Structures are given as structure tokens and as C-alpha cells.
Amino acid sequence: MTVQIKTWDEMKEEFGEINEDGERFIDCDGTFLTDMEEELPKDRIIEITCKNGLEYFTSWTNSLHQWSISKDMIKRVINEN
């Protein structure tokens, strides 16, 4: 499935930003980390893996990490494959 992820500012406005021990993150249904933000492409469009449509947590794998993406991080679905 191809999706576009909300911007940090959009999620910050919706869920608030937390800063603990110098680490910033967005505490939505999942946890959106600054590392995730840094690894997103500029257009914020990624391929995620999910079963039975869009579930609570899906998986985004890039060359360095596998991240959990919660439904509320997604701005729009581009292609459901």
C-alpha cells in the first residue's frame, strides 16, 4: 500500500510533541520519532506492508530500519495495491 505520512507539524498540532531526556517524539496511537521524520522522503510517500487492509499498525521498511506506522500517522492513501 502506498501512503503519504503527515508532517511533523501536522502531527504535533493534532497530538502534541513530547521532549524527554532531549528526545522529541509525537505520541499518537503509535510513536512517531525524529529518526522516522529524518528518514522519510521529501514527498513523505512510502510503501507500507499491511494485512487485510489498513490495520492499527503496519510496517514500513527502508534500508536502515523497520518502523511501525499507526493509522493516525497517515495523511492519505495513494494506492491500496
N, C-alpha and C. Protein backbone atom coordinates (compact mmCIF):
# COMPACT_ATOMS: atom_id res chain seq x y z
N MET A 1 0.84 -1.16 0.00
CA MET A 1 0.00 0.00 0.00
C MET A 1 0.90 1.24 0.00
N THR A 2 0.55 2.20 -0.80
CA THR A 2 1.30 3.46 -0.87
C THR A 2 0.53 4.53 -0.12
N VAL A 3 1.21 5.20 0.80
CA VAL A 3 0.56 6.23 1.61
C VAL A 3 1.46 7.46 1.72
N GLN A 4 0.84 8.56 2.10
CA GLN A 4 1.60 9.76 2.42
C GLN A 4 1.46 9.99 3.92
N ILE A 5 2.57 10.23 4.57
CA ILE A 5 2.62 10.43 6.02
C ILE A 5 2.44 11.91 6.33
N LYS A 6 1.70 12.21 7.39
CA LYS A 6 1.52 13.59 7.83
C LYS A 6 2.87 14.22 8.17
N THR A 7 2.93 15.53 8.12
CA THR A 7 4.16 16.22 8.51
C THR A 7 4.29 16.22 10.03
N TRP A 8 5.50 16.46 10.49
CA TRP A 8 5.74 16.55 11.93
C TRP A 8 4.83 17.62 12.54
N ASP A 9 4.74 18.77 11.89
CA ASP A 9 3.91 19.86 12.41
C ASP A 9 2.43 19.50 12.46
N GLU A 10 1.94 18.76 11.45
CA GLU A 10 0.54 18.32 11.47
C GLU A 10 0.28 17.40 12.65
N MET A 11 1.19 16.45 12.87
CA MET A 11 1.01 15.52 13.99
C MET A 11 1.20 16.23 15.32
N LYS A 12 2.15 17.17 15.38
CA LYS A 12 2.38 17.93 16.60
C LYS A 12 1.14 18.71 16.99
N GLU A 13 0.48 19.33 16.00
CA GLU A 13 -0.73 20.08 16.26
C GLU A 13 -1.86 19.17 16.74
N GLU A 14 -1.93 17.98 16.17
CA GLU A 14 -3.01 17.05 16.50
C GLU A 14 -2.77 16.33 17.83
N PHE A 15 -1.53 15.92 18.10
CA PHE A 15 -1.24 15.05 19.25
C PHE A 15 -0.31 15.68 20.29
N GLY A 16 0.37 16.74 19.93
CA GLY A 16 1.36 17.33 20.83
C GLY A 16 2.72 16.69 20.63
N GLU A 17 3.73 17.41 21.06
CA GLU A 17 5.10 16.92 20.95
C GLU A 17 5.64 16.70 22.35
N ILE A 18 6.36 15.61 22.54
CA ILE A 18 6.94 15.30 23.84
C ILE A 18 8.45 15.41 23.72
N ASN A 19 9.06 15.95 24.74
CA ASN A 19 10.51 16.06 24.80
C ASN A 19 10.96 15.48 26.13
N GLU A 20 11.54 14.29 26.09
CA GLU A 20 12.04 13.64 27.29
C GLU A 20 13.51 13.32 27.11
N ASP A 21 14.31 13.75 28.04
CA ASP A 21 15.75 13.49 28.01
C ASP A 21 16.38 13.90 26.69
N GLY A 22 15.90 15.01 26.12
CA GLY A 22 16.45 15.52 24.87
C GLY A 22 15.93 14.82 23.63
N GLU A 23 15.06 13.83 23.79
CA GLU A 23 14.47 13.12 22.66
C GLU A 23 13.07 13.67 22.40
N ARG A 24 12.82 14.07 21.15
CA ARG A 24 11.50 14.56 20.76
C ARG A 24 10.73 13.45 20.05
N PHE A 25 9.43 13.37 20.32
CA PHE A 25 8.59 12.41 19.60
C PHE A 25 7.15 12.85 19.69
N ILE A 26 6.33 12.28 18.80
CA ILE A 26 4.90 12.52 18.78
C ILE A 26 4.23 11.26 19.32
N ASP A 27 3.40 11.42 20.33
CA ASP A 27 2.74 10.27 20.96
C ASP A 27 1.31 10.15 20.44
N CYS A 28 1.18 9.55 19.24
CA CYS A 28 -0.15 9.28 18.68
C CYS A 28 -0.48 7.83 19.01
N ASP A 29 -1.28 7.13 18.21
CA ASP A 29 -1.57 5.73 18.53
C ASP A 29 -0.28 4.91 18.58
N GLY A 30 0.66 5.24 17.73
CA GLY A 30 1.99 4.68 17.80
C GLY A 30 2.89 5.76 18.37
N THR A 31 4.15 5.68 18.08
CA THR A 31 5.08 6.75 18.47
C THR A 31 5.86 7.15 17.24
N PHE A 32 5.74 8.41 16.87
CA PHE A 32 6.45 8.92 15.71
C PHE A 32 7.72 9.61 16.21
N LEU A 33 8.86 9.09 15.82
CA LEU A 33 10.16 9.54 16.32
C LEU A 33 10.85 10.48 15.35
N THR A 34 11.76 11.28 15.86
CA THR A 34 12.53 12.18 14.99
C THR A 34 13.33 11.37 13.98
N ASP A 35 13.79 10.17 14.33
CA ASP A 35 14.51 9.32 13.38
C ASP A 35 13.63 8.96 12.19
N MET A 36 12.36 8.70 12.44
CA MET A 36 11.43 8.38 11.36
C MET A 36 11.28 9.60 10.45
N GLU A 37 11.12 10.76 11.06
CA GLU A 37 10.98 12.01 10.30
C GLU A 37 12.18 12.21 9.38
N GLU A 38 13.36 11.98 9.89
CA GLU A 38 14.58 12.19 9.12
C GLU A 38 14.72 11.21 7.95
N GLU A 39 14.15 10.02 8.08
CA GLU A 39 14.29 9.01 7.04
C GLU A 39 13.18 9.04 5.99
N LEU A 40 12.14 9.81 6.21
CA LEU A 40 11.07 9.91 5.21
C LEU A 40 11.57 10.65 3.97
N PRO A 41 11.12 10.24 2.79
CA PRO A 41 11.45 11.02 1.60
C PRO A 41 10.76 12.38 1.66
N LYS A 42 11.23 13.32 0.87
CA LYS A 42 10.70 14.69 0.90
C LYS A 42 9.20 14.74 0.62
N ASP A 43 8.71 13.88 -0.26
CA ASP A 43 7.27 13.89 -0.57
C ASP A 43 6.44 13.13 0.46
N ARG A 44 7.13 12.48 1.42
CA ARG A 44 6.51 11.76 2.54
C ARG A 44 5.67 10.58 2.06
N ILE A 45 5.92 10.11 0.84
CA ILE A 45 5.19 8.97 0.28
C ILE A 45 6.04 7.72 0.48
N ILE A 46 5.43 6.70 1.11
CA ILE A 46 6.14 5.46 1.41
C ILE A 46 5.25 4.27 1.08
N GLU A 47 5.89 3.13 0.93
CA GLU A 47 5.20 1.86 0.78
C GLU A 47 5.13 1.21 2.15
N ILE A 48 3.94 0.79 2.55
CA ILE A 48 3.81 0.08 3.82
C ILE A 48 3.26 -1.31 3.54
N THR A 49 3.56 -2.21 4.43
CA THR A 49 3.06 -3.57 4.35
C THR A 49 1.96 -3.74 5.39
N CYS A 50 0.82 -4.24 4.95
CA CYS A 50 -0.26 -4.48 5.90
C CYS A 50 -1.07 -5.68 5.44
N LYS A 51 -1.77 -6.28 6.37
CA LYS A 51 -2.62 -7.43 6.07
C LYS A 51 -4.08 -7.01 6.23
N ASN A 52 -4.93 -7.48 5.37
CA ASN A 52 -6.36 -7.20 5.45
C ASN A 52 -6.66 -5.71 5.47
N GLY A 53 -6.01 -4.97 4.60
CA GLY A 53 -6.25 -3.53 4.54
C GLY A 53 -5.43 -2.79 5.57
N LEU A 54 -5.86 -1.61 5.87
CA LEU A 54 -5.13 -0.74 6.79
C LEU A 54 -5.53 -1.07 8.22
N GLU A 55 -4.62 -1.70 8.94
CA GLU A 55 -4.88 -2.07 10.33
C GLU A 55 -4.28 -1.04 11.27
N TYR A 56 -4.33 -1.32 12.53
CA TYR A 56 -3.82 -0.41 13.55
C TYR A 56 -2.34 -0.09 13.34
N PHE A 57 -1.51 -1.10 13.24
CA PHE A 57 -0.10 -0.88 12.96
C PHE A 57 0.28 -1.60 11.68
N THR A 58 1.05 -0.95 10.86
CA THR A 58 1.56 -1.52 9.64
C THR A 58 3.07 -1.37 9.68
N SER A 59 3.73 -1.82 8.66
CA SER A 59 5.18 -1.84 8.69
C SER A 59 5.76 -1.07 7.51
N TRP A 60 6.72 -0.22 7.80
CA TRP A 60 7.47 0.50 6.77
C TRP A 60 8.92 0.11 6.94
N THR A 61 9.51 -0.42 5.90
CA THR A 61 10.90 -0.84 5.95
C THR A 61 11.69 -0.03 4.93
N ASN A 62 12.75 0.62 5.40
CA ASN A 62 13.66 1.27 4.47
C ASN A 62 15.01 0.58 4.58
N SER A 63 16.03 1.17 4.06
CA SER A 63 17.32 0.49 4.04
C SER A 63 17.94 0.33 5.42
N LEU A 64 17.48 1.10 6.40
CA LEU A 64 18.10 1.06 7.73
C LEU A 64 17.23 0.42 8.80
N HIS A 65 15.92 0.65 8.75
CA HIS A 65 15.05 0.24 9.85
C HIS A 65 13.72 -0.30 9.37
N GLN A 66 13.04 -0.95 10.28
CA GLN A 66 11.64 -1.28 10.07
C GLN A 66 10.86 -0.52 11.14
N TRP A 67 9.91 0.29 10.72
CA TRP A 67 9.15 1.12 11.63
C TRP A 67 7.69 0.67 11.66
N SER A 68 7.03 0.91 12.77
CA SER A 68 5.58 0.70 12.86
C SER A 68 4.89 2.02 12.56
N ILE A 69 3.93 1.95 11.67
CA ILE A 69 3.17 3.12 11.27
C ILE A 69 1.73 2.91 11.75
N SER A 70 1.22 3.81 12.59
CA SER A 70 -0.17 3.69 13.02
C SER A 70 -1.06 4.47 12.05
N LYS A 71 -2.29 4.08 12.00
CA LYS A 71 -3.25 4.64 11.04
C LYS A 71 -3.32 6.16 11.13
N ASP A 72 -3.18 6.71 12.34
CA ASP A 72 -3.32 8.15 12.51
C ASP A 72 -2.10 8.95 12.05
N MET A 73 -1.03 8.28 11.63
CA MET A 73 0.13 8.96 11.04
C MET A 73 -0.07 9.22 9.55
N ILE A 74 -1.04 8.53 8.96
CA ILE A 74 -1.25 8.56 7.52
C ILE A 74 -2.14 9.73 7.13
N LYS A 75 -1.63 10.53 6.22
CA LYS A 75 -2.38 11.69 5.72
C LYS A 75 -3.37 11.24 4.64
N ARG A 76 -2.89 10.39 3.72
CA ARG A 76 -3.79 9.89 2.67
C ARG A 76 -3.24 8.60 2.09
N VAL A 77 -4.17 7.76 1.62
CA VAL A 77 -3.81 6.53 0.93
C VAL A 77 -3.74 6.87 -0.55
N ILE A 78 -2.64 6.53 -1.17
CA ILE A 78 -2.44 6.83 -2.59
C ILE A 78 -2.81 5.63 -3.45
N ASN A 79 -2.40 4.45 -3.02
CA ASN A 79 -2.66 3.23 -3.77
C ASN A 79 -2.81 2.09 -2.78
N GLU A 80 -3.91 1.37 -2.88
CA GLU A 80 -4.14 0.26 -1.95
C GLU A 80 -3.54 -1.05 -2.44
N ASN A 81 -2.98 -1.06 -3.65
CA ASN A 81 -2.39 -2.28 -4.26
C ASN A 81 -3.37 -3.39 -4.17
